[in-house]
Amino acid sequence: MRIVVPWPPGGSADMIGRILAEHLGNAFAQSVVVENRPGASGMVGSAAVARSDPDGTTFVISGIPSHVVAPATSATAPFDPVKDFTHIAYVGGAPIVITAHASLGVRSLAELVAMARRSGNALGYVSPGVGSLGHMVGEYLARKDDIRLAHIPYKGGVQAVTDLIAGHVKVGAMTWTIHVRISAPACSPRWRCPRPCASPKIPTCRRCRSWAMASS
C-alpha cells in the first residue's frame, strides 16, 4: 500500500499521512509506504495517483488546495478532482493560524490590522503556497478588513515556518505551529482541531473581528 502526500515532508499533510500509514499498517499487517510528491499546489502528486492503477492500494492525502482551488484555477489541471478519485474518509486537519514573529510586537489580530493600515506599503505574509488555505485566509483577511497584504508563497509550510522563526519574514498564515518566538493573534474555527491541540489562549477570527471564516 502507498500513501502519496502531494506536499513536502514535515508539513501537516505529511504528518497526517504518516500517522495514517502507521495505523493502516498495523490494521492490515503490511507495509504502508508514504511518498512525498510536492509541486503545483498539490497537483503533481494528485495527478500521479489519478494515473495509477485503480487497484485499491494507492491513496492520496487530498485537501482544498489540491482538489478544489488548484484544479479550479488551472486551465490545464491533469485530473478531475471528482471523477478521478473516490473520496474515502476525512482523516483530520489543523486550524489555520495567523502568525507573527515576536519582534513585530503584534499580540492580537486588531493590532496586526492596525499596523497594516498604518504602513505605507503592503504588509508581506508567507503561506505554504499559491492556493493554499493560508493563502486564502490572508486574502480573505485583506478583503474583509480593507488592508493591503502582499502574498509571499513558499513551496510548503516547513520552509515558511523556518523563515518566520528566524525573523526573515514577519507574518504568516498557515496550519497550526507552536514556537515560543511566534505569536498567533488568531486562528480559524476551533472545531478544526480538538483540544488539547488548540490553545485556549488563541482566539478565533470570529471572536477577534465581526466577520467569521470557514475552512475545511
N, C-alpha and C. Protein backbone atom coordinates (compact mmCIF):
# COMPACT_ATOMS: atom_id res chain seq x y z
N MET A 1 0.84 -1.18 0.00
CA MET A 1 0.00 0.00 0.00
C MET A 1 0.88 1.24 0.00
N ARG A 2 0.35 2.29 -0.65
CA ARG A 2 1.14 3.52 -0.78
C ARG A 2 0.24 4.72 -0.54
N ILE A 3 0.72 5.67 0.28
CA ILE A 3 0.01 6.93 0.50
C ILE A 3 0.87 8.05 -0.06
N VAL A 4 0.34 8.75 -1.04
CA VAL A 4 1.04 9.87 -1.65
C VAL A 4 0.63 11.16 -0.93
N VAL A 5 1.62 11.88 -0.47
CA VAL A 5 1.40 13.20 0.13
C VAL A 5 1.87 14.24 -0.88
N PRO A 6 0.96 15.04 -1.44
CA PRO A 6 1.35 15.97 -2.50
C PRO A 6 1.97 17.27 -2.00
N TRP A 7 2.63 17.20 -0.85
CA TRP A 7 3.30 18.35 -0.24
C TRP A 7 4.64 17.89 0.32
N PRO A 8 5.55 18.82 0.61
CA PRO A 8 6.88 18.44 1.11
C PRO A 8 6.83 17.78 2.48
N PRO A 9 7.90 17.08 2.87
CA PRO A 9 7.95 16.45 4.19
C PRO A 9 7.90 17.49 5.31
N GLY A 10 7.33 17.08 6.45
CA GLY A 10 7.34 17.93 7.64
C GLY A 10 6.11 18.78 7.85
N GLY A 11 5.27 18.92 6.83
CA GLY A 11 4.07 19.72 6.97
C GLY A 11 2.93 18.93 7.59
N SER A 12 1.79 19.59 7.75
CA SER A 12 0.65 18.94 8.40
C SER A 12 0.13 17.76 7.58
N ALA A 13 0.07 17.90 6.25
CA ALA A 13 -0.40 16.80 5.41
C ALA A 13 0.54 15.60 5.51
N ASP A 14 1.84 15.87 5.59
CA ASP A 14 2.82 14.80 5.73
C ASP A 14 2.66 14.08 7.06
N MET A 15 2.45 14.83 8.14
CA MET A 15 2.28 14.21 9.45
C MET A 15 1.01 13.37 9.50
N ILE A 16 -0.08 13.89 8.92
CA ILE A 16 -1.32 13.13 8.88
C ILE A 16 -1.14 11.85 8.07
N GLY A 17 -0.44 11.94 6.94
CA GLY A 17 -0.20 10.77 6.11
C GLY A 17 0.60 9.70 6.83
N ARG A 18 1.59 10.11 7.61
CA ARG A 18 2.44 9.14 8.30
C ARG A 18 1.72 8.51 9.50
N ILE A 19 0.90 9.28 10.17
CA ILE A 19 0.09 8.70 11.26
C ILE A 19 -0.90 7.69 10.69
N LEU A 20 -1.53 8.06 9.57
CA LEU A 20 -2.48 7.16 8.92
C LEU A 20 -1.79 5.89 8.44
N ALA A 21 -0.59 6.03 7.88
CA ALA A 21 0.16 4.87 7.38
C ALA A 21 0.48 3.90 8.50
N GLU A 22 0.85 4.44 9.66
CA GLU A 22 1.16 3.57 10.80
C GLU A 22 -0.07 2.77 11.24
N HIS A 23 -1.21 3.43 11.32
CA HIS A 23 -2.43 2.75 11.75
C HIS A 23 -2.89 1.72 10.72
N LEU A 24 -2.81 2.09 9.43
CA LEU A 24 -3.21 1.14 8.39
C LEU A 24 -2.27 -0.06 8.35
N GLY A 25 -0.97 0.20 8.54
CA GLY A 25 -0.01 -0.89 8.55
C GLY A 25 -0.29 -1.88 9.66
N ASN A 26 -0.63 -1.36 10.83
CA ASN A 26 -0.96 -2.24 11.96
C ASN A 26 -2.26 -3.00 11.72
N ALA A 27 -3.24 -2.30 11.10
CA ALA A 27 -4.55 -2.92 10.88
C ALA A 27 -4.48 -4.04 9.85
N PHE A 28 -3.67 -3.85 8.80
CA PHE A 28 -3.61 -4.83 7.72
C PHE A 28 -2.36 -5.70 7.77
N ALA A 29 -1.52 -5.48 8.79
CA ALA A 29 -0.30 -6.28 8.96
C ALA A 29 0.56 -6.28 7.70
N GLN A 30 0.74 -5.12 7.12
CA GLN A 30 1.61 -5.00 5.96
C GLN A 30 2.23 -3.62 5.92
N SER A 31 3.23 -3.47 5.09
CA SER A 31 3.94 -2.20 4.99
C SER A 31 3.10 -1.18 4.21
N VAL A 32 3.04 0.04 4.74
CA VAL A 32 2.36 1.15 4.06
C VAL A 32 3.40 2.25 3.85
N VAL A 33 3.72 2.54 2.61
CA VAL A 33 4.77 3.49 2.26
C VAL A 33 4.17 4.87 2.06
N VAL A 34 4.83 5.90 2.64
CA VAL A 34 4.43 7.29 2.42
C VAL A 34 5.40 7.91 1.42
N GLU A 35 4.86 8.46 0.36
CA GLU A 35 5.67 9.05 -0.69
C GLU A 35 5.31 10.52 -0.86
N ASN A 36 6.28 11.41 -0.65
CA ASN A 36 6.06 12.84 -0.85
C ASN A 36 6.32 13.21 -2.29
N ARG A 37 5.29 13.78 -2.95
CA ARG A 37 5.43 14.22 -4.34
C ARG A 37 4.85 15.63 -4.46
N PRO A 38 5.60 16.64 -3.97
CA PRO A 38 5.08 18.00 -3.98
C PRO A 38 5.17 18.66 -5.35
N GLY A 39 4.47 19.79 -5.48
CA GLY A 39 4.54 20.57 -6.70
C GLY A 39 3.18 21.02 -7.18
N ALA A 40 3.14 22.23 -7.75
CA ALA A 40 1.93 22.78 -8.37
C ALA A 40 0.73 22.76 -7.42
N SER A 41 0.96 23.20 -6.18
CA SER A 41 -0.11 23.28 -5.17
C SER A 41 -0.81 21.93 -4.95
N GLY A 42 -0.03 20.88 -5.00
CA GLY A 42 -0.57 19.55 -4.73
C GLY A 42 -1.01 18.78 -5.96
N MET A 43 -0.96 19.40 -7.13
CA MET A 43 -1.47 18.73 -8.32
C MET A 43 -0.53 17.65 -8.85
N VAL A 44 0.78 17.78 -8.61
CA VAL A 44 1.74 16.80 -9.13
C VAL A 44 1.49 15.43 -8.50
N GLY A 45 1.46 15.39 -7.18
CA GLY A 45 1.22 14.12 -6.50
C GLY A 45 -0.17 13.58 -6.74
N SER A 46 -1.15 14.47 -6.77
CA SER A 46 -2.53 14.03 -7.01
C SER A 46 -2.69 13.45 -8.41
N ALA A 47 -2.02 14.06 -9.38
CA ALA A 47 -2.09 13.55 -10.75
C ALA A 47 -1.46 12.17 -10.85
N ALA A 48 -0.39 11.93 -10.10
CA ALA A 48 0.26 10.62 -10.11
C ALA A 48 -0.70 9.55 -9.59
N VAL A 49 -1.48 9.88 -8.57
CA VAL A 49 -2.46 8.92 -8.04
C VAL A 49 -3.60 8.72 -9.02
N ALA A 50 -4.02 9.79 -9.68
CA ALA A 50 -5.10 9.68 -10.67
C ALA A 50 -4.71 8.75 -11.82
N ARG A 51 -3.42 8.71 -12.15
CA ARG A 51 -2.94 7.87 -13.25
C ARG A 51 -2.60 6.45 -12.80
N SER A 52 -2.57 6.20 -11.51
CA SER A 52 -2.18 4.89 -11.01
C SER A 52 -3.28 3.85 -11.26
N ASP A 53 -2.91 2.59 -11.17
CA ASP A 53 -3.89 1.52 -11.36
C ASP A 53 -4.95 1.58 -10.25
N PRO A 54 -6.21 1.49 -10.62
CA PRO A 54 -7.29 1.56 -9.61
C PRO A 54 -7.47 0.23 -8.88
N ASP A 55 -6.42 -0.17 -8.16
CA ASP A 55 -6.46 -1.47 -7.50
C ASP A 55 -6.64 -1.38 -5.99
N GLY A 56 -6.89 -0.17 -5.49
CA GLY A 56 -7.16 0.00 -4.07
C GLY A 56 -5.93 0.01 -3.19
N THR A 57 -4.74 0.15 -3.78
CA THR A 57 -3.53 0.15 -2.96
C THR A 57 -2.81 1.49 -2.95
N THR A 58 -3.31 2.46 -3.71
CA THR A 58 -2.67 3.78 -3.78
C THR A 58 -3.65 4.86 -3.34
N PHE A 59 -3.22 5.67 -2.39
CA PHE A 59 -4.08 6.70 -1.82
C PHE A 59 -3.37 8.05 -1.88
N VAL A 60 -4.13 9.12 -1.71
CA VAL A 60 -3.55 10.46 -1.68
C VAL A 60 -4.19 11.24 -0.53
N ILE A 61 -3.36 12.05 0.14
CA ILE A 61 -3.88 12.96 1.15
C ILE A 61 -4.38 14.20 0.42
N SER A 62 -5.67 14.27 0.21
CA SER A 62 -6.25 15.38 -0.56
C SER A 62 -6.66 16.51 0.37
N GLY A 63 -7.06 17.62 -0.22
CA GLY A 63 -7.49 18.77 0.56
C GLY A 63 -7.98 19.86 -0.35
N ILE A 64 -8.43 20.95 0.23
CA ILE A 64 -8.95 22.07 -0.56
C ILE A 64 -7.91 22.61 -1.54
N PRO A 65 -6.64 22.82 -1.12
CA PRO A 65 -5.66 23.37 -2.08
C PRO A 65 -5.47 22.50 -3.32
N SER A 66 -5.32 21.18 -3.11
CA SER A 66 -5.00 20.30 -4.23
C SER A 66 -6.21 19.84 -5.02
N HIS A 67 -7.38 19.75 -4.39
CA HIS A 67 -8.54 19.17 -5.07
C HIS A 67 -9.70 20.13 -5.29
N VAL A 68 -9.53 21.38 -4.87
CA VAL A 68 -10.56 22.38 -5.13
C VAL A 68 -9.96 23.61 -5.80
N VAL A 69 -9.05 24.28 -5.08
CA VAL A 69 -8.50 25.55 -5.58
C VAL A 69 -7.65 25.35 -6.83
N ALA A 70 -6.66 24.45 -6.75
CA ALA A 70 -5.74 24.27 -7.87
C ALA A 70 -6.45 23.85 -9.16
N PRO A 71 -7.30 22.82 -9.14
CA PRO A 71 -7.99 22.46 -10.38
C PRO A 71 -8.92 23.56 -10.89
N ALA A 72 -9.52 24.32 -9.97
CA ALA A 72 -10.45 25.37 -10.38
C ALA A 72 -9.74 26.56 -11.01
N THR A 73 -8.50 26.78 -10.63
CA THR A 73 -7.77 27.95 -11.13
C THR A 73 -6.77 27.61 -12.23
N SER A 74 -6.67 26.34 -12.57
CA SER A 74 -5.74 25.93 -13.63
C SER A 74 -6.51 25.44 -14.85
N ALA A 75 -6.18 26.01 -15.99
CA ALA A 75 -6.84 25.60 -17.23
C ALA A 75 -6.33 24.26 -17.74
N THR A 76 -5.22 23.81 -17.18
CA THR A 76 -4.61 22.55 -17.65
C THR A 76 -4.48 21.55 -16.51
N ALA A 77 -5.42 21.54 -15.59
CA ALA A 77 -5.37 20.58 -14.49
C ALA A 77 -5.33 19.16 -15.04
N PRO A 78 -4.39 18.33 -14.57
CA PRO A 78 -4.20 16.99 -15.15
C PRO A 78 -5.17 15.94 -14.61
N PHE A 79 -6.19 16.34 -13.87
CA PHE A 79 -7.15 15.37 -13.35
C PHE A 79 -8.46 16.06 -13.03
N ASP A 80 -9.52 15.26 -12.93
CA ASP A 80 -10.81 15.75 -12.47
C ASP A 80 -10.91 15.37 -11.00
N PRO A 81 -11.02 16.36 -10.09
CA PRO A 81 -10.99 16.04 -8.66
C PRO A 81 -12.17 15.21 -8.18
N VAL A 82 -13.23 15.12 -8.96
CA VAL A 82 -14.40 14.33 -8.58
C VAL A 82 -14.41 12.98 -9.30
N LYS A 83 -14.26 12.99 -10.62
CA LYS A 83 -14.37 11.77 -11.41
C LYS A 83 -13.17 10.84 -11.27
N ASP A 84 -11.98 11.41 -11.02
CA ASP A 84 -10.76 10.59 -10.99
C ASP A 84 -10.40 10.05 -9.62
N PHE A 85 -11.22 10.37 -8.60
CA PHE A 85 -10.91 9.92 -7.25
C PHE A 85 -12.16 9.41 -6.54
N THR A 86 -11.97 8.48 -5.64
CA THR A 86 -13.02 8.07 -4.71
C THR A 86 -12.62 8.58 -3.34
N HIS A 87 -13.37 9.54 -2.84
CA HIS A 87 -13.03 10.15 -1.55
C HIS A 87 -13.58 9.26 -0.44
N ILE A 88 -12.65 8.75 0.37
CA ILE A 88 -12.99 7.69 1.32
C ILE A 88 -13.38 8.21 2.69
N ALA A 89 -12.53 9.04 3.28
CA ALA A 89 -12.78 9.46 4.66
C ALA A 89 -12.05 10.75 4.97
N TYR A 90 -12.62 11.51 5.89
CA TYR A 90 -11.94 12.69 6.43
C TYR A 90 -11.02 12.22 7.54
N VAL A 91 -9.73 12.49 7.41
CA VAL A 91 -8.77 11.97 8.38
C VAL A 91 -8.23 13.04 9.32
N GLY A 92 -8.58 14.30 9.12
CA GLY A 92 -8.15 15.33 10.06
C GLY A 92 -7.59 16.55 9.37
N GLY A 93 -7.38 17.57 10.17
CA GLY A 93 -6.83 18.81 9.64
C GLY A 93 -6.58 19.79 10.77
N ALA A 94 -5.47 20.52 10.68
CA ALA A 94 -5.13 21.50 11.71
C ALA A 94 -5.79 22.84 11.38
N PRO A 95 -6.00 23.68 12.40
CA PRO A 95 -6.55 25.01 12.13
C PRO A 95 -5.53 25.89 11.42
N ILE A 96 -6.01 26.88 10.73
CA ILE A 96 -5.13 27.86 10.11
C ILE A 96 -4.91 28.99 11.11
N VAL A 97 -3.65 29.30 11.39
CA VAL A 97 -3.34 30.38 12.32
C VAL A 97 -2.69 31.54 11.58
N ILE A 98 -3.04 32.74 11.98
CA ILE A 98 -2.37 33.94 11.51
C ILE A 98 -1.26 34.21 12.50
N THR A 99 -0.02 34.12 12.06
CA THR A 99 1.13 34.17 12.96
C THR A 99 1.96 35.42 12.73
N ALA A 100 2.68 35.83 13.77
CA ALA A 100 3.57 36.98 13.67
C ALA A 100 4.83 36.71 14.47
N HIS A 101 5.98 37.11 13.93
CA HIS A 101 7.23 36.97 14.67
C HIS A 101 7.18 37.86 15.90
N ALA A 102 7.78 37.38 17.01
CA ALA A 102 7.71 38.10 18.28
C ALA A 102 8.28 39.51 18.18
N SER A 103 9.28 39.71 17.33
CA SER A 103 9.91 41.03 17.21
C SER A 103 8.97 42.07 16.63
N LEU A 104 7.89 41.62 16.00
CA LEU A 104 6.94 42.57 15.42
C LEU A 104 6.10 43.25 16.50
N GLY A 105 5.99 42.63 17.67
CA GLY A 105 5.24 43.22 18.76
C GLY A 105 3.74 43.16 18.60
N VAL A 106 3.25 42.26 17.74
CA VAL A 106 1.81 42.13 17.50
C VAL A 106 1.25 41.04 18.39
N ARG A 107 0.25 41.37 19.20
CA ARG A 107 -0.32 40.41 20.14
C ARG A 107 -1.79 40.11 19.88
N SER A 108 -2.36 40.74 18.87
CA SER A 108 -3.76 40.49 18.56
C SER A 108 -3.99 40.75 17.08
N LEU A 109 -5.09 40.22 16.57
CA LEU A 109 -5.43 40.44 15.17
C LEU A 109 -5.73 41.92 14.93
N ALA A 110 -6.34 42.58 15.91
CA ALA A 110 -6.64 44.02 15.79
C ALA A 110 -5.35 44.82 15.64
N GLU A 111 -4.30 44.45 16.41
CA GLU A 111 -3.02 45.15 16.31
C GLU A 111 -2.37 44.92 14.95
N LEU A 112 -2.50 43.70 14.43
CA LEU A 112 -1.94 43.40 13.12
C LEU A 112 -2.65 44.22 12.03
N VAL A 113 -3.96 44.29 12.10
CA VAL A 113 -4.73 45.07 11.13
C VAL A 113 -4.36 46.55 11.23
N ALA A 114 -4.23 47.06 12.45
CA ALA A 114 -3.87 48.47 12.65
C ALA A 114 -2.49 48.76 12.08
N MET A 115 -1.56 47.83 12.26
CA MET A 115 -0.21 48.00 11.72
C MET A 115 -0.24 48.04 10.19
N ALA A 116 -1.01 47.15 9.61
CA ALA A 116 -1.12 47.11 8.15
C ALA A 116 -1.71 48.41 7.61
N ARG A 117 -2.65 48.98 8.33
CA ARG A 117 -3.28 50.24 7.88
C ARG A 117 -2.33 51.42 8.01
N ARG A 118 -1.46 51.39 9.03
CA ARG A 118 -0.51 52.49 9.21
C ARG A 118 0.63 52.44 8.20
N SER A 119 0.93 51.25 7.74
CA SER A 119 2.06 51.07 6.83
C SER A 119 1.77 51.70 5.47
N GLY A 120 2.79 52.32 4.93
CA GLY A 120 2.64 52.90 3.60
C GLY A 120 2.72 51.86 2.49
N ASN A 121 3.28 50.70 2.83
CA ASN A 121 3.42 49.62 1.86
C ASN A 121 2.58 48.42 2.27
N ALA A 122 2.36 47.53 1.33
CA ALA A 122 1.62 46.30 1.64
C ALA A 122 2.42 45.45 2.61
N LEU A 123 1.77 44.90 3.60
CA LEU A 123 2.41 44.05 4.60
C LEU A 123 2.55 42.64 4.03
N GLY A 124 3.79 42.16 3.95
CA GLY A 124 4.02 40.83 3.39
C GLY A 124 3.68 39.72 4.37
N TYR A 125 3.14 38.64 3.86
CA TYR A 125 2.87 37.46 4.68
C TYR A 125 3.19 36.21 3.88
N VAL A 126 3.64 35.17 4.58
CA VAL A 126 4.01 33.92 3.92
C VAL A 126 2.90 32.89 4.10
N SER A 127 2.86 31.95 3.17
CA SER A 127 1.94 30.82 3.25
C SER A 127 2.63 29.62 2.63
N PRO A 128 2.06 28.41 2.78
CA PRO A 128 2.68 27.22 2.18
C PRO A 128 2.67 27.21 0.66
N GLY A 129 1.97 28.14 0.02
CA GLY A 129 1.99 28.17 -1.44
C GLY A 129 0.75 28.81 -2.03
N VAL A 130 0.80 29.07 -3.33
CA VAL A 130 -0.34 29.65 -4.03
C VAL A 130 -1.52 28.68 -3.97
N GLY A 131 -2.67 29.18 -3.56
CA GLY A 131 -3.86 28.35 -3.48
C GLY A 131 -3.99 27.57 -2.20
N SER A 132 -3.01 27.69 -1.29
CA SER A 132 -3.10 27.00 -0.01
C SER A 132 -4.16 27.67 0.86
N LEU A 133 -4.57 26.99 1.93
CA LEU A 133 -5.55 27.59 2.83
C LEU A 133 -4.99 28.85 3.48
N GLY A 134 -3.69 28.85 3.78
CA GLY A 134 -3.07 30.05 4.33
C GLY A 134 -3.17 31.22 3.37
N HIS A 135 -2.97 30.96 2.09
CA HIS A 135 -3.13 32.00 1.07
C HIS A 135 -4.55 32.53 1.04
N MET A 136 -5.52 31.62 1.09
CA MET A 136 -6.93 32.02 1.06
C MET A 136 -7.29 32.86 2.29
N VAL A 137 -6.77 32.45 3.45
CA VAL A 137 -7.05 33.18 4.70
C VAL A 137 -6.46 34.59 4.63
N GLY A 138 -5.23 34.70 4.14
CA GLY A 138 -4.60 36.02 4.03
C GLY A 138 -5.36 36.96 3.12
N GLU A 139 -5.78 36.45 1.98
CA GLU A 139 -6.51 37.30 1.03
C GLU A 139 -7.90 37.65 1.57
N TYR A 140 -8.50 36.71 2.29
CA TYR A 140 -9.82 36.98 2.88
C TYR A 140 -9.71 38.06 3.95
N LEU A 141 -8.65 37.97 4.77
CA LEU A 141 -8.41 38.98 5.80
C LEU A 141 -8.23 40.35 5.16
N ALA A 142 -7.43 40.42 4.09
CA ALA A 142 -7.19 41.70 3.42
C ALA A 142 -8.48 42.30 2.88
N ARG A 143 -9.31 41.45 2.33
CA ARG A 143 -10.57 41.94 1.74
C ARG A 143 -11.55 42.38 2.81
N LYS A 144 -11.73 41.58 3.85
CA LYS A 144 -12.73 41.89 4.86
C LYS A 144 -12.35 43.10 5.71
N ASP A 145 -11.05 43.30 5.96
CA ASP A 145 -10.62 44.43 6.79
C ASP A 145 -10.05 45.58 5.97
N ASP A 146 -10.12 45.46 4.64
CA ASP A 146 -9.70 46.53 3.74
C ASP A 146 -8.26 46.99 4.04
N ILE A 147 -7.34 46.00 4.05
CA ILE A 147 -5.93 46.30 4.25
C ILE A 147 -5.13 45.75 3.08
N ARG A 148 -3.90 46.24 2.94
CA ARG A 148 -3.03 45.79 1.85
C ARG A 148 -2.06 44.74 2.38
N LEU A 149 -2.16 43.53 1.82
CA LEU A 149 -1.26 42.45 2.16
C LEU A 149 -0.59 41.94 0.89
N ALA A 150 0.67 41.58 0.98
CA ALA A 150 1.41 41.04 -0.17
C ALA A 150 1.74 39.57 0.11
N HIS A 151 1.22 38.69 -0.72
CA HIS A 151 1.43 37.26 -0.52
C HIS A 151 2.83 36.85 -0.95
N ILE A 152 3.51 36.08 -0.08
CA ILE A 152 4.82 35.52 -0.38
C ILE A 152 4.69 34.00 -0.33
N PRO A 153 4.48 33.35 -1.47
CA PRO A 153 4.26 31.90 -1.46
C PRO A 153 5.55 31.12 -1.29
N TYR A 154 5.46 30.04 -0.52
CA TYR A 154 6.57 29.11 -0.34
C TYR A 154 6.18 27.75 -0.92
N LYS A 155 7.15 26.89 -1.08
CA LYS A 155 6.87 25.54 -1.56
C LYS A 155 6.69 24.61 -0.37
N GLY A 156 5.62 24.82 0.37
CA GLY A 156 5.35 24.03 1.56
C GLY A 156 5.50 24.86 2.82
N GLY A 157 4.89 24.39 3.90
CA GLY A 157 4.86 25.16 5.12
C GLY A 157 6.13 25.10 5.94
N VAL A 158 6.96 24.06 5.78
CA VAL A 158 8.14 23.89 6.63
C VAL A 158 9.11 25.05 6.45
N GLN A 159 9.45 25.38 5.20
CA GLN A 159 10.40 26.48 4.96
C GLN A 159 9.80 27.82 5.35
N ALA A 160 8.48 27.96 5.16
CA ALA A 160 7.81 29.19 5.57
C ALA A 160 7.93 29.39 7.08
N VAL A 161 7.68 28.33 7.84
CA VAL A 161 7.79 28.41 9.30
C VAL A 161 9.24 28.67 9.71
N THR A 162 10.19 28.02 9.05
CA THR A 162 11.61 28.21 9.36
C THR A 162 12.01 29.68 9.20
N ASP A 163 11.63 30.29 8.10
CA ASP A 163 11.97 31.69 7.87
C ASP A 163 11.22 32.62 8.82
N LEU A 164 10.00 32.23 9.20
CA LEU A 164 9.24 33.03 10.14
C LEU A 164 9.89 32.99 11.53
N ILE A 165 10.33 31.82 11.96
CA ILE A 165 11.01 31.69 13.25
C ILE A 165 12.31 32.49 13.26
N ALA A 166 13.04 32.46 12.13
CA ALA A 166 14.31 33.18 12.04
C ALA A 166 14.12 34.68 11.91
N GLY A 167 12.91 35.11 11.63
CA GLY A 167 12.65 36.54 11.50
C GLY A 167 12.91 37.09 10.12
N HIS A 168 13.17 36.21 9.14
CA HIS A 168 13.37 36.68 7.77
C HIS A 168 12.07 37.24 7.19
N VAL A 169 10.96 36.70 7.64
CA VAL A 169 9.64 37.24 7.32
C VAL A 169 8.92 37.42 8.66
N LYS A 170 7.93 38.29 8.69
CA LYS A 170 7.33 38.67 9.96
C LYS A 170 5.91 38.17 10.18
N VAL A 171 5.19 37.87 9.13
CA VAL A 171 3.79 37.46 9.27
C VAL A 171 3.55 36.23 8.40
N GLY A 172 2.71 35.33 8.89
CA GLY A 172 2.38 34.14 8.11
C GLY A 172 0.95 33.71 8.34
N ALA A 173 0.43 32.94 7.41
CA ALA A 173 -0.89 32.32 7.54
C ALA A 173 -0.71 30.87 7.12
N MET A 174 -0.83 29.95 8.09
CA MET A 174 -0.52 28.55 7.80
C MET A 174 -1.15 27.66 8.86
N THR A 175 -0.99 26.36 8.71
CA THR A 175 -1.56 25.44 9.69
C THR A 175 -0.84 25.58 11.03
N TRP A 176 -1.49 25.09 12.07
CA TRP A 176 -1.07 25.28 13.46
C TRP A 176 0.41 24.98 13.68
N THR A 177 1.11 25.95 14.28
CA THR A 177 2.52 25.80 14.61
C THR A 177 2.75 26.37 16.00
N ILE A 178 3.49 25.66 16.82
CA ILE A 178 3.80 26.14 18.17
C ILE A 178 5.28 26.45 18.25
N HIS A 179 5.61 27.70 18.58
CA HIS A 179 7.00 28.07 18.81
C HIS A 179 7.02 29.32 19.67
N VAL A 180 7.96 29.39 20.59
CA VAL A 180 7.96 30.48 21.57
C VAL A 180 8.23 31.84 20.94
N ARG A 181 8.83 31.87 19.77
CA ARG A 181 9.14 33.16 19.15
C ARG A 181 8.11 33.56 18.11
N ILE A 182 7.05 32.78 18.00
CA ILE A 182 5.97 33.14 17.09
C ILE A 182 4.71 33.32 17.92
N SER A 183 4.04 34.44 17.73
CA SER A 183 2.74 34.63 18.37
C SER A 183 1.66 34.35 17.35
N ALA A 184 0.51 33.92 17.81
CA ALA A 184 -0.62 33.62 16.92
C ALA A 184 -1.79 34.51 17.32
N PRO A 185 -1.97 35.66 16.66
CA PRO A 185 -3.06 36.57 17.02
C PRO A 185 -4.44 35.97 16.85
N ALA A 186 -4.62 35.03 15.92
CA ALA A 186 -5.94 34.45 15.70
C ALA A 186 -5.83 33.17 14.92
N CYS A 187 -6.89 32.34 14.98
CA CYS A 187 -6.90 31.10 14.22
C CYS A 187 -8.29 30.89 13.64
N SER A 188 -8.39 29.90 12.76
CA SER A 188 -9.67 29.56 12.14
C SER A 188 -10.54 28.84 13.16
N PRO A 189 -11.79 28.46 12.81
CA PRO A 189 -12.70 27.87 13.80
C PRO A 189 -12.10 26.74 14.61
N ARG A 190 -12.41 26.70 15.91
CA ARG A 190 -11.80 25.76 16.84
C ARG A 190 -12.11 24.31 16.49
N TRP A 191 -13.25 24.07 15.81
CA TRP A 191 -13.63 22.68 15.54
C TRP A 191 -12.68 21.98 14.60
N ARG A 192 -11.81 22.73 13.93
CA ARG A 192 -10.85 22.07 13.04
C ARG A 192 -9.81 21.28 13.83
N CYS A 193 -9.57 21.63 15.07
CA CYS A 193 -8.52 20.97 15.83
C CYS A 193 -8.95 20.80 17.27
N PRO A 194 -9.50 19.64 17.66
CA PRO A 194 -10.00 19.44 19.01
C PRO A 194 -8.91 19.64 20.06
N ARG A 195 -9.30 20.02 21.26
CA ARG A 195 -8.35 20.18 22.35
C ARG A 195 -7.72 18.82 22.68
N PRO A 196 -6.48 18.76 23.21
CA PRO A 196 -5.74 19.90 23.70
C PRO A 196 -4.86 20.57 22.66
N CYS A 197 -5.00 20.20 21.37
CA CYS A 197 -4.15 20.78 20.32
C CYS A 197 -4.38 22.28 20.20
N ALA A 198 -5.64 22.70 20.23
CA ALA A 198 -5.95 24.12 20.06
C ALA A 198 -5.76 24.85 21.39
N SER A 199 -4.98 25.91 21.39
CA SER A 199 -4.71 26.64 22.62
C SER A 199 -5.88 27.56 22.97
N PRO A 200 -6.33 27.52 24.21
CA PRO A 200 -7.42 28.41 24.61
C PRO A 200 -7.00 29.87 24.63
N LYS A 201 -5.68 30.13 24.59
CA LYS A 201 -5.19 31.50 24.61
C LYS A 201 -5.26 32.16 23.25
N ILE A 202 -5.50 31.38 22.20
CA ILE A 202 -5.57 31.94 20.85
C ILE A 202 -7.02 32.07 20.45
N PRO A 203 -7.52 33.28 20.27
CA PRO A 203 -8.93 33.46 19.90
C PRO A 203 -9.17 33.10 18.44
N THR A 204 -10.39 32.74 18.13
CA THR A 204 -10.75 32.51 16.73
C THR A 204 -10.98 33.84 16.05
N CYS A 205 -10.95 33.81 14.71
CA CYS A 205 -11.20 35.04 13.95
C CYS A 205 -12.61 35.57 14.22
N ARG A 206 -13.55 34.69 14.51
CA ARG A 206 -14.91 35.13 14.83
C ARG A 206 -14.92 36.00 16.08
N ARG A 207 -14.10 35.62 17.07
CA ARG A 207 -14.03 36.39 18.30
C ARG A 207 -13.28 37.71 18.11
N CYS A 208 -12.28 37.70 17.20
CA CYS A 208 -11.45 38.89 17.01
C CYS A 208 -12.12 39.98 16.18
N ARG A 209 -12.85 39.57 15.17
CA ARG A 209 -13.43 40.53 14.22
C ARG A 209 -14.92 40.28 14.09
N SER A 210 -15.57 41.13 13.37
CA SER A 210 -17.02 40.99 13.18
C SER A 210 -17.34 39.96 12.12
N TRP A 211 -16.33 39.49 11.38
CA TRP A 211 -16.56 38.50 10.33
C TRP A 211 -16.11 37.13 10.80
N ALA A 212 -16.68 36.12 10.22
CA ALA A 212 -16.29 34.75 10.54
C ALA A 212 -15.64 34.12 9.32
N MET A 213 -14.79 33.13 9.55
CA MET A 213 -14.05 32.48 8.48
C MET A 213 -14.32 30.99 8.54
N ALA A 214 -14.68 30.41 7.42
CA ALA A 214 -14.94 28.97 7.36
C ALA A 214 -13.82 28.28 6.59
N SER A 215 -13.47 27.09 7.01
CA SER A 215 -12.49 26.30 6.29
C SER A 215 -12.76 24.85 6.55
N SER A 216 -12.13 23.99 5.76
CA SER A 216 -12.42 22.55 5.90
C SER A 216 -11.37 21.86 6.74
